[in-house]
Amino acid sequence: MPRRTDIDSILLIGSGPIVIGQACEFDYSGTQALKALKEEGFRVILVNSNPATIMTDPDFADRTYVEPLDAGIITKIIEAERPDALLPTLGGQTALNLAIELAETGVLERFGVEMIGARLEAIRGEAAVPSSRRHGSRWGWLSPRSGYRITR
């Protein structure tokens, strides 16, 4: 894929602390992405709430924000840094949900930030995990019976 010459700076949303159901491989993949983007000459901005991750090492991004992963805070970072693009696909479900919120509230459009890595429609489909059973059944995929129980 040819390098995009219309993009100079990219904001990457990290995954924050490890959460059950979200493995730590996002730190590894995010770190590799930061290295690759910098090698390609992009200015890389990282926001991640977990200072204990490898990706928050100062050598990996041009600017690192160790802040809560919250749409309001990310909006302020976007306003201050003015990235050309947002890359949310390396931060797990947390980053995907934030990308949806930033897009749907008009933040990305207001500041002229392009979402890269995946289209909003694709992220919405991924973020709607409970609907994956419904989507799979369209193609005849089988899924084990499941449910949840609340205990006291």
N, C-alpha and C. Protein backbone atom coordinates (compact mmCIF):
# COMPACT_ATOMS: atom_id res chain seq x y z
N MET A 1 0.85 -1.17 0.00
CA MET A 1 0.00 0.00 0.00
C MET A 1 0.89 1.24 0.00
N PRO A 2 0.64 2.18 -0.89
CA PRO A 2 1.48 3.38 -0.94
C PRO A 2 1.27 4.26 0.29
N ARG A 3 2.30 4.99 0.65
CA ARG A 3 2.24 5.89 1.80
C ARG A 3 1.31 7.05 1.47
N ARG A 4 0.46 7.41 2.41
CA ARG A 4 -0.44 8.55 2.24
C ARG A 4 0.35 9.84 2.45
N THR A 5 0.42 10.66 1.43
CA THR A 5 1.14 11.92 1.54
C THR A 5 0.26 13.05 2.05
N ASP A 6 -1.04 12.79 2.16
CA ASP A 6 -1.96 13.81 2.65
C ASP A 6 -2.11 13.78 4.18
N ILE A 7 -1.43 12.86 4.83
CA ILE A 7 -1.49 12.73 6.29
C ILE A 7 -0.09 12.97 6.85
N ASP A 8 -0.01 13.89 7.80
CA ASP A 8 1.27 14.15 8.47
C ASP A 8 1.29 13.62 9.90
N SER A 9 0.15 13.76 10.60
CA SER A 9 0.12 13.35 12.01
C SER A 9 -1.05 12.42 12.28
N ILE A 10 -0.79 11.45 13.15
CA ILE A 10 -1.78 10.41 13.45
C ILE A 10 -1.92 10.28 14.96
N LEU A 11 -3.17 10.29 15.43
CA LEU A 11 -3.47 10.04 16.84
C LEU A 11 -3.85 8.58 17.00
N LEU A 12 -3.15 7.89 17.87
CA LEU A 12 -3.44 6.49 18.15
C LEU A 12 -4.01 6.39 19.56
N ILE A 13 -5.15 5.72 19.70
CA ILE A 13 -5.76 5.50 21.01
C ILE A 13 -5.29 4.14 21.51
N GLY A 14 -4.64 4.12 22.66
CA GLY A 14 -4.21 2.87 23.27
C GLY A 14 -5.37 2.16 23.95
N SER A 15 -5.09 1.00 24.51
CA SER A 15 -6.15 0.19 25.10
C SER A 15 -6.35 0.42 26.59
N GLY A 16 -5.47 1.20 27.20
CA GLY A 16 -5.60 1.41 28.64
C GLY A 16 -5.17 0.18 29.41
N PRO A 17 -5.63 0.05 30.65
CA PRO A 17 -5.23 -1.11 31.45
C PRO A 17 -5.86 -2.39 30.91
N ILE A 18 -5.22 -3.49 31.21
CA ILE A 18 -5.74 -4.78 30.78
C ILE A 18 -7.07 -5.03 31.47
N VAL A 19 -8.08 -5.39 30.68
CA VAL A 19 -9.42 -5.65 31.17
C VAL A 19 -9.77 -7.08 30.79
N ILE A 20 -10.51 -7.75 31.64
CA ILE A 20 -10.92 -9.11 31.30
C ILE A 20 -11.67 -9.06 29.97
N GLY A 21 -11.29 -9.92 29.06
CA GLY A 21 -11.90 -9.94 27.73
C GLY A 21 -11.14 -9.13 26.71
N GLN A 22 -10.15 -8.35 27.16
CA GLN A 22 -9.29 -7.59 26.26
C GLN A 22 -7.85 -7.92 26.64
N ALA A 23 -7.21 -8.69 25.82
CA ALA A 23 -5.87 -9.17 26.15
C ALA A 23 -4.82 -8.09 25.92
N CYS A 24 -3.64 -8.34 26.46
CA CYS A 24 -2.56 -7.35 26.40
C CYS A 24 -1.88 -7.30 25.04
N GLU A 25 -2.31 -8.11 24.08
CA GLU A 25 -1.66 -8.05 22.77
C GLU A 25 -1.86 -6.69 22.10
N PHE A 26 -2.83 -5.91 22.57
CA PHE A 26 -3.01 -4.58 21.99
C PHE A 26 -1.82 -3.68 22.31
N ASP A 27 -1.16 -3.90 23.44
CA ASP A 27 0.04 -3.12 23.74
C ASP A 27 1.14 -3.46 22.75
N TYR A 28 1.29 -4.74 22.46
CA TYR A 28 2.33 -5.16 21.51
C TYR A 28 2.03 -4.62 20.11
N SER A 29 0.80 -4.82 19.65
CA SER A 29 0.47 -4.37 18.29
C SER A 29 0.51 -2.85 18.19
N GLY A 30 0.07 -2.17 19.23
CA GLY A 30 0.14 -0.71 19.23
C GLY A 30 1.57 -0.20 19.21
N THR A 31 2.44 -0.86 19.96
CA THR A 31 3.85 -0.49 19.97
C THR A 31 4.48 -0.67 18.60
N GLN A 32 4.16 -1.79 17.95
CA GLN A 32 4.70 -2.04 16.61
C GLN A 32 4.17 -1.01 15.62
N ALA A 33 2.90 -0.64 15.76
CA ALA A 33 2.33 0.37 14.88
C ALA A 33 3.01 1.73 15.07
N LEU A 34 3.24 2.10 16.33
CA LEU A 34 3.92 3.37 16.60
C LEU A 34 5.30 3.40 15.94
N LYS A 35 6.04 2.30 16.10
CA LYS A 35 7.38 2.23 15.50
C LYS A 35 7.30 2.35 13.98
N ALA A 36 6.37 1.62 13.37
CA ALA A 36 6.24 1.63 11.91
C ALA A 36 5.82 3.01 11.40
N LEU A 37 4.87 3.64 12.07
CA LEU A 37 4.41 4.96 11.64
C LEU A 37 5.52 6.00 11.75
N LYS A 38 6.29 5.95 12.83
CA LYS A 38 7.41 6.89 12.97
C LYS A 38 8.47 6.64 11.90
N GLU A 39 8.75 5.36 11.61
CA GLU A 39 9.73 5.04 10.56
C GLU A 39 9.29 5.57 9.20
N GLU A 40 7.97 5.64 8.99
CA GLU A 40 7.43 6.16 7.74
C GLU A 40 7.39 7.69 7.72
N GLY A 41 7.78 8.31 8.81
CA GLY A 41 7.86 9.76 8.84
C GLY A 41 6.63 10.48 9.36
N PHE A 42 5.66 9.75 9.89
CA PHE A 42 4.48 10.40 10.44
C PHE A 42 4.79 10.95 11.83
N ARG A 43 4.13 12.04 12.18
CA ARG A 43 4.16 12.53 13.56
C ARG A 43 3.09 11.74 14.30
N VAL A 44 3.48 11.07 15.36
CA VAL A 44 2.58 10.16 16.06
C VAL A 44 2.25 10.70 17.44
N ILE A 45 0.95 10.74 17.73
CA ILE A 45 0.45 11.19 19.02
C ILE A 45 -0.26 9.99 19.65
N LEU A 46 0.05 9.70 20.89
CA LEU A 46 -0.55 8.56 21.59
C LEU A 46 -1.30 9.04 22.80
N VAL A 47 -2.49 8.49 23.01
CA VAL A 47 -3.20 8.67 24.27
C VAL A 47 -3.48 7.28 24.82
N ASN A 48 -3.08 7.06 26.07
CA ASN A 48 -3.27 5.77 26.72
C ASN A 48 -3.31 6.04 28.22
N SER A 49 -4.25 5.43 28.90
CA SER A 49 -4.39 5.69 30.34
C SER A 49 -3.48 4.83 31.19
N ASN A 50 -2.78 3.89 30.59
CA ASN A 50 -1.95 2.97 31.36
C ASN A 50 -0.46 3.30 31.18
N PRO A 51 0.16 3.92 32.18
CA PRO A 51 1.57 4.27 32.04
C PRO A 51 2.50 3.05 32.11
N ALA A 52 1.97 1.89 32.48
CA ALA A 52 2.80 0.69 32.61
C ALA A 52 2.94 -0.08 31.30
N THR A 53 2.38 0.44 30.23
CA THR A 53 2.50 -0.27 28.95
C THR A 53 3.80 0.11 28.26
N ILE A 54 4.22 -0.75 27.36
CA ILE A 54 5.43 -0.49 26.59
C ILE A 54 5.22 0.71 25.67
N MET A 55 4.02 0.81 25.10
CA MET A 55 3.79 1.86 24.10
C MET A 55 3.89 3.27 24.67
N THR A 56 3.75 3.45 25.99
CA THR A 56 3.87 4.79 26.55
C THR A 56 5.32 5.21 26.80
N ASP A 57 6.27 4.36 26.43
CA ASP A 57 7.68 4.74 26.49
C ASP A 57 7.87 5.97 25.61
N PRO A 58 8.53 7.01 26.10
CA PRO A 58 8.66 8.26 25.34
C PRO A 58 9.31 8.12 23.97
N ASP A 59 10.04 7.05 23.74
CA ASP A 59 10.71 6.89 22.45
C ASP A 59 9.78 6.45 21.32
N PHE A 60 8.58 5.98 21.65
CA PHE A 60 7.71 5.42 20.62
C PHE A 60 6.81 6.44 19.93
N ALA A 61 6.43 7.50 20.61
CA ALA A 61 5.54 8.50 20.01
C ALA A 61 6.20 9.88 20.11
N ASP A 62 5.80 10.77 19.22
CA ASP A 62 6.30 12.14 19.27
C ASP A 62 5.69 12.89 20.45
N ARG A 63 4.46 12.53 20.78
CA ARG A 63 3.76 13.15 21.91
C ARG A 63 2.94 12.06 22.57
N THR A 64 3.09 11.89 23.88
CA THR A 64 2.36 10.86 24.62
C THR A 64 1.52 11.51 25.70
N TYR A 65 0.25 11.17 25.73
CA TYR A 65 -0.67 11.63 26.77
C TYR A 65 -1.07 10.42 27.60
N VAL A 66 -0.73 10.44 28.88
CA VAL A 66 -1.20 9.41 29.81
C VAL A 66 -2.38 10.05 30.53
N GLU A 67 -3.54 9.79 29.97
CA GLU A 67 -4.79 10.41 30.42
C GLU A 67 -5.89 9.37 30.41
N PRO A 68 -6.96 9.60 31.18
CA PRO A 68 -8.10 8.67 31.10
C PRO A 68 -8.63 8.59 29.67
N LEU A 69 -9.01 7.40 29.28
CA LEU A 69 -9.55 7.21 27.93
C LEU A 69 -11.02 7.61 27.96
N ASP A 70 -11.24 8.86 27.65
CA ASP A 70 -12.55 9.49 27.74
C ASP A 70 -12.71 10.40 26.52
N ALA A 71 -13.89 10.40 25.93
CA ALA A 71 -14.10 11.19 24.72
C ALA A 71 -13.84 12.68 24.93
N GLY A 72 -14.20 13.20 26.09
CA GLY A 72 -13.95 14.61 26.37
C GLY A 72 -12.47 14.95 26.41
N ILE A 73 -11.70 14.10 27.03
CA ILE A 73 -10.25 14.32 27.10
C ILE A 73 -9.61 14.17 25.73
N ILE A 74 -10.04 13.15 24.99
CA ILE A 74 -9.48 12.95 23.65
C ILE A 74 -9.85 14.12 22.74
N THR A 75 -11.04 14.67 22.92
CA THR A 75 -11.43 15.86 22.16
C THR A 75 -10.47 17.01 22.42
N LYS A 76 -10.10 17.21 23.68
CA LYS A 76 -9.15 18.28 24.02
C LYS A 76 -7.78 18.02 23.40
N ILE A 77 -7.37 16.75 23.37
CA ILE A 77 -6.09 16.40 22.75
C ILE A 77 -6.15 16.68 21.25
N ILE A 78 -7.26 16.31 20.62
CA ILE A 78 -7.43 16.58 19.19
C ILE A 78 -7.39 18.08 18.93
N GLU A 79 -8.06 18.84 19.78
CA GLU A 79 -8.07 20.30 19.61
C GLU A 79 -6.66 20.88 19.75
N ALA A 80 -5.87 20.36 20.69
CA ALA A 80 -4.52 20.88 20.91
C ALA A 80 -3.53 20.42 19.85
N GLU A 81 -3.62 19.16 19.45
CA GLU A 81 -2.61 18.57 18.56
C GLU A 81 -2.96 18.66 17.08
N ARG A 82 -4.26 18.75 16.77
CA ARG A 82 -4.73 18.83 15.38
C ARG A 82 -4.19 17.71 14.49
N PRO A 83 -4.40 16.44 14.89
CA PRO A 83 -3.92 15.36 14.02
C PRO A 83 -4.72 15.31 12.73
N ASP A 84 -4.11 14.77 11.70
CA ASP A 84 -4.81 14.59 10.42
C ASP A 84 -5.68 13.34 10.45
N ALA A 85 -5.27 12.36 11.26
CA ALA A 85 -5.97 11.08 11.26
C ALA A 85 -6.03 10.49 12.66
N LEU A 86 -7.03 9.64 12.86
CA LEU A 86 -7.21 8.89 14.10
C LEU A 86 -7.11 7.41 13.76
N LEU A 87 -6.27 6.68 14.49
CA LEU A 87 -6.12 5.24 14.30
C LEU A 87 -6.57 4.54 15.57
N PRO A 88 -7.84 4.07 15.61
CA PRO A 88 -8.35 3.45 16.83
C PRO A 88 -8.28 1.93 16.86
N THR A 89 -7.86 1.32 15.78
CA THR A 89 -7.99 -0.14 15.65
C THR A 89 -6.94 -0.93 16.41
N LEU A 90 -6.02 -0.26 17.08
CA LEU A 90 -4.98 -0.98 17.81
C LEU A 90 -5.14 -0.82 19.32
N GLY A 91 -6.30 -0.33 19.74
CA GLY A 91 -6.54 -0.12 21.16
C GLY A 91 -7.67 -0.94 21.72
N GLY A 92 -8.06 -1.98 21.03
CA GLY A 92 -9.10 -2.86 21.55
C GLY A 92 -10.48 -2.23 21.54
N GLN A 93 -11.38 -2.86 22.28
CA GLN A 93 -12.78 -2.42 22.31
C GLN A 93 -12.91 -1.01 22.86
N THR A 94 -12.09 -0.66 23.84
CA THR A 94 -12.15 0.68 24.42
C THR A 94 -11.92 1.75 23.35
N ALA A 95 -10.87 1.58 22.57
CA ALA A 95 -10.55 2.56 21.53
C ALA A 95 -11.62 2.59 20.44
N LEU A 96 -12.15 1.42 20.09
CA LEU A 96 -13.20 1.38 19.08
C LEU A 96 -14.44 2.14 19.55
N ASN A 97 -14.83 1.91 20.81
CA ASN A 97 -16.00 2.61 21.35
C ASN A 97 -15.78 4.12 21.38
N LEU A 98 -14.58 4.53 21.74
CA LEU A 98 -14.27 5.97 21.75
C LEU A 98 -14.30 6.55 20.34
N ALA A 99 -13.80 5.81 19.37
CA ALA A 99 -13.82 6.29 17.98
C ALA A 99 -15.25 6.48 17.50
N ILE A 100 -16.12 5.55 17.84
CA ILE A 100 -17.53 5.68 17.48
C ILE A 100 -18.11 6.95 18.10
N GLU A 101 -17.85 7.14 19.38
CA GLU A 101 -18.37 8.33 20.07
C GLU A 101 -17.83 9.62 19.47
N LEU A 102 -16.54 9.66 19.18
CA LEU A 102 -15.94 10.86 18.58
C LEU A 102 -16.52 11.15 17.20
N ALA A 103 -16.80 10.11 16.44
CA ALA A 103 -17.38 10.29 15.11
C ALA A 103 -18.84 10.73 15.21
N GLU A 104 -19.60 10.05 16.06
CA GLU A 104 -21.04 10.33 16.14
C GLU A 104 -21.34 11.68 16.77
N THR A 105 -20.47 12.18 17.61
CA THR A 105 -20.69 13.50 18.21
C THR A 105 -20.13 14.63 17.35
N GLY A 106 -19.54 14.28 16.21
CA GLY A 106 -19.06 15.29 15.28
C GLY A 106 -17.67 15.84 15.56
N VAL A 107 -16.98 15.29 16.54
CA VAL A 107 -15.65 15.80 16.90
C VAL A 107 -14.68 15.63 15.73
N LEU A 108 -14.67 14.45 15.13
CA LEU A 108 -13.73 14.20 14.04
C LEU A 108 -13.99 15.14 12.87
N GLU A 109 -15.24 15.31 12.52
CA GLU A 109 -15.59 16.20 11.41
C GLU A 109 -15.24 17.66 11.74
N ARG A 110 -15.55 18.07 12.97
CA ARG A 110 -15.30 19.46 13.37
C ARG A 110 -13.82 19.83 13.26
N PHE A 111 -12.93 18.88 13.58
CA PHE A 111 -11.50 19.16 13.54
C PHE A 111 -10.82 18.60 12.30
N GLY A 112 -11.59 18.06 11.36
CA GLY A 112 -11.03 17.56 10.11
C GLY A 112 -10.13 16.35 10.28
N VAL A 113 -10.50 15.46 11.20
CA VAL A 113 -9.70 14.26 11.48
C VAL A 113 -10.33 13.08 10.75
N GLU A 114 -9.53 12.41 9.95
CA GLU A 114 -9.99 11.23 9.21
C GLU A 114 -9.72 9.97 10.03
N MET A 115 -10.72 9.11 10.14
CA MET A 115 -10.50 7.83 10.81
C MET A 115 -9.86 6.87 9.82
N ILE A 116 -8.73 6.29 10.20
CA ILE A 116 -8.04 5.35 9.32
C ILE A 116 -7.95 3.99 10.02
N GLY A 117 -7.72 2.97 9.24
CA GLY A 117 -7.60 1.62 9.79
C GLY A 117 -8.87 0.82 9.62
N ALA A 118 -10.02 1.48 9.71
CA ALA A 118 -11.32 0.84 9.50
C ALA A 118 -12.37 1.93 9.34
N ARG A 119 -13.37 1.64 8.54
CA ARG A 119 -14.49 2.58 8.39
C ARG A 119 -15.38 2.52 9.63
N LEU A 120 -16.08 3.60 9.89
CA LEU A 120 -16.98 3.68 11.04
C LEU A 120 -18.01 2.55 11.02
N GLU A 121 -18.53 2.25 9.84
CA GLU A 121 -19.55 1.19 9.73
C GLU A 121 -18.98 -0.16 10.16
N ALA A 122 -17.74 -0.42 9.80
CA ALA A 122 -17.11 -1.68 10.18
C ALA A 122 -16.88 -1.73 11.69
N ILE A 123 -16.47 -0.60 12.25
CA ILE A 123 -16.25 -0.56 13.70
C ILE A 123 -17.56 -0.74 14.44
N ARG A 124 -18.61 -0.12 13.97
CA ARG A 124 -19.91 -0.31 14.61
C ARG A 124 -20.30 -1.78 14.61
N GLY A 125 -20.03 -2.47 13.53
CA GLY A 125 -20.33 -3.90 13.47
C GLY A 125 -19.51 -4.69 14.47
N GLU A 126 -18.23 -4.34 14.62
CA GLU A 126 -17.36 -5.02 15.58
C GLU A 126 -17.74 -4.67 17.01
N ALA A 127 -18.13 -3.42 17.23
CA ALA A 127 -18.46 -2.99 18.58
C ALA A 127 -19.75 -3.63 19.07
N ALA A 128 -20.57 -4.05 18.15
CA ALA A 128 -21.84 -4.68 18.51
C ALA A 128 -21.66 -6.18 18.64
N VAL A 129 -20.80 -6.59 19.54
CA VAL A 129 -20.47 -8.01 19.68
C VAL A 129 -21.70 -8.89 19.90
N PRO A 130 -22.68 -8.48 20.72
CA PRO A 130 -23.84 -9.35 20.89
C PRO A 130 -24.58 -9.67 19.59
N SER A 131 -24.44 -8.81 18.58
CA SER A 131 -25.13 -9.06 17.32
C SER A 131 -24.35 -10.03 16.43
N SER A 132 -23.15 -10.43 16.83
CA SER A 132 -22.36 -11.32 15.98
C SER A 132 -23.06 -12.66 15.78
N ARG A 133 -23.79 -13.12 16.78
CA ARG A 133 -24.55 -14.36 16.62
C ARG A 133 -25.60 -14.18 15.53
N ARG A 134 -26.27 -13.05 15.56
CA ARG A 134 -27.31 -12.76 14.57
C ARG A 134 -26.69 -12.70 13.17
N HIS A 135 -25.54 -12.03 13.03
CA HIS A 135 -24.88 -11.94 11.73
C HIS A 135 -24.42 -13.31 11.25
N GLY A 136 -23.85 -14.10 12.13
CA GLY A 136 -23.36 -15.42 11.75
C GLY A 136 -24.47 -16.34 11.30
N SER A 137 -25.63 -16.22 11.92
CA SER A 137 -26.73 -17.10 11.55
C SER A 137 -27.22 -16.83 10.13
N ARG A 138 -26.99 -15.63 9.63
CA ARG A 138 -27.36 -15.31 8.25
C ARG A 138 -26.63 -16.22 7.26
N TRP A 139 -25.42 -16.61 7.63
CA TRP A 139 -24.60 -17.43 6.75
C TRP A 139 -24.59 -18.90 7.16
N GLY A 140 -25.47 -19.25 8.08
CA GLY A 140 -25.57 -20.63 8.51
C GLY A 140 -24.51 -21.06 9.51
N TRP A 141 -23.83 -20.11 10.13
CA TRP A 141 -22.82 -20.46 11.12
C TRP A 141 -23.51 -20.89 12.41
N LEU A 142 -22.99 -21.92 13.00
CA LEU A 142 -23.53 -22.40 14.26
C LEU A 142 -22.83 -21.71 15.42
N SER A 143 -23.57 -21.51 16.48
CA SER A 143 -23.01 -20.87 17.66
C SER A 143 -23.51 -21.63 18.88
N PRO A 144 -22.65 -21.90 19.85
CA PRO A 144 -23.12 -22.63 21.03
C PRO A 144 -24.14 -21.81 21.80
N ARG A 145 -25.05 -22.51 22.45
CA ARG A 145 -26.02 -21.82 23.31
C ARG A 145 -25.26 -21.15 24.44
N SER A 146 -25.70 -19.98 24.79
CA SER A 146 -25.02 -19.26 25.86
C SER A 146 -26.02 -18.36 26.57
N GLY A 147 -25.59 -17.86 27.68
CA GLY A 147 -26.42 -16.95 28.44
C GLY A 147 -25.61 -16.40 29.59
N TYR A 148 -26.24 -15.69 30.45
CA TYR A 148 -25.55 -15.18 31.62
C TYR A 148 -26.46 -15.30 32.82
N ARG A 149 -25.88 -15.27 33.97
CA ARG A 149 -26.64 -15.42 35.20
C ARG A 149 -26.07 -14.44 36.22
N ILE A 150 -26.94 -13.83 36.95
CA ILE A 150 -26.53 -12.93 38.02
C ILE A 150 -26.72 -13.67 39.33
N THR A 151 -25.66 -13.72 40.12
CA THR A 151 -25.75 -14.37 41.43
C THR A 151 -25.59 -13.33 42.52
N ARG A 152 -26.16 -13.63 43.63
CA ARG A 152 -26.06 -12.71 44.77
C ARG A 152 -25.44 -13.42 45.94
